[in-house]
Amino acid sequence: MEPQKVMELLKDYKNLPNKDLENLMDFLNEDFSYTKDLIIKLTKHLDTTEKSYNTIYTEYKKRINNV
């Protein structure tokens, strides 16, 4: 479903037939699941990146202090 179409349907949802409401709910449910999965993946990536950075930074500080 096109974003423009979704916005139009959301504005006038009270006057939509049940079939359009069902289609809209399906779309929104899929969009929610997709977005949630992306957030989870990005959170894991961010955590891994932070851990890697901290490991490298700790090693860097050790080397600087030994100079």
Protein backbone atom coordinates (compact mmCIF):
# COMPACT_ATOMS: atom_id res chain seq x y z
CA MET A 1 0.00 0.00 0.00
CA GLU A 2 1.32 3.41 -0.91
CA PRO A 3 2.06 5.86 1.93
CA GLN A 4 -0.21 8.45 0.37
CA LYS A 5 -3.08 5.95 0.28
CA VAL A 6 -2.50 4.98 3.90
CA MET A 7 -2.60 8.61 5.00
CA GLU A 8 -5.86 9.16 3.13
CA LEU A 9 -7.43 6.09 4.68
CA LEU A 10 -6.29 7.06 8.16
CA LYS A 11 -7.88 10.48 7.83
CA ASP A 12 -11.27 9.06 6.98
CA TYR A 13 -11.25 5.70 8.74
CA LYS A 14 -14.71 6.18 10.29
CA ASN A 15 -16.31 6.15 6.86
CA LEU A 16 -14.42 3.22 5.39
CA PRO A 17 -16.00 -0.12 4.61
CA ASN A 18 -14.91 -3.05 6.73
CA LYS A 19 -12.80 -4.51 3.94
CA ASP A 20 -10.71 -1.32 3.74
CA LEU A 21 -10.35 -1.31 7.52
CA GLU A 22 -9.11 -4.89 7.40
CA ASN A 23 -6.61 -4.05 4.67
CA LEU A 24 -5.43 -1.03 6.61
CA MET A 25 -5.06 -3.05 9.81
CA ASP A 26 -3.08 -5.71 7.94
CA PHE A 27 -0.79 -3.10 6.48
CA LEU A 28 -0.27 -1.36 9.82
CA ASN A 29 0.38 -4.65 11.57
CA GLU A 30 2.99 -5.64 8.98
CA ASP A 31 4.58 -2.21 9.14
CA PHE A 32 4.73 -2.39 12.93
CA SER A 33 6.38 -5.82 12.86
CA TYR A 34 8.88 -4.74 10.22
CA THR A 35 9.77 -1.57 12.13
CA LYS A 36 10.09 -3.46 15.41
CA ASP A 37 12.43 -6.01 13.80
CA LEU A 38 14.56 -3.22 12.36
CA ILE A 39 14.81 -1.52 15.74
CA ILE A 40 15.88 -4.78 17.37
CA LYS A 41 18.53 -5.42 14.71
CA LEU A 42 19.82 -1.86 14.93
CA THR A 43 19.93 -2.03 18.71
CA LYS A 44 22.02 -5.21 18.54
CA HIS A 45 24.31 -3.58 15.99
CA LEU A 46 24.68 -0.48 18.13
CA ASP A 47 25.49 -2.58 21.21
CA THR A 48 28.13 -4.52 19.28
CA THR A 49 29.64 -1.33 17.90
CA GLU A 50 29.78 0.22 21.35
CA LYS A 51 31.41 -2.88 22.83
CA SER A 52 34.00 -2.95 20.04
CA TYR A 53 34.74 0.73 20.46
CA ASN A 54 35.18 0.35 24.22
CA THR A 55 37.54 -2.58 23.74
CA ILE A 56 39.68 -0.64 21.27
CA TYR A 57 39.60 2.48 23.41
CA THR A 58 40.73 0.56 26.48
CA GLU A 59 43.67 -0.87 24.54
CA TYR A 60 44.52 2.56 23.19
CA LYS A 61 44.51 4.08 26.70
CA LYS A 62 46.84 1.32 27.94
CA ARG A 63 49.28 2.04 25.14
CA ILE A 64 49.19 5.80 25.66
CA ASN A 65 49.80 5.44 29.38
CA ASN A 66 52.80 3.20 28.79
CA VAL A 67 54.55 5.73 26.54
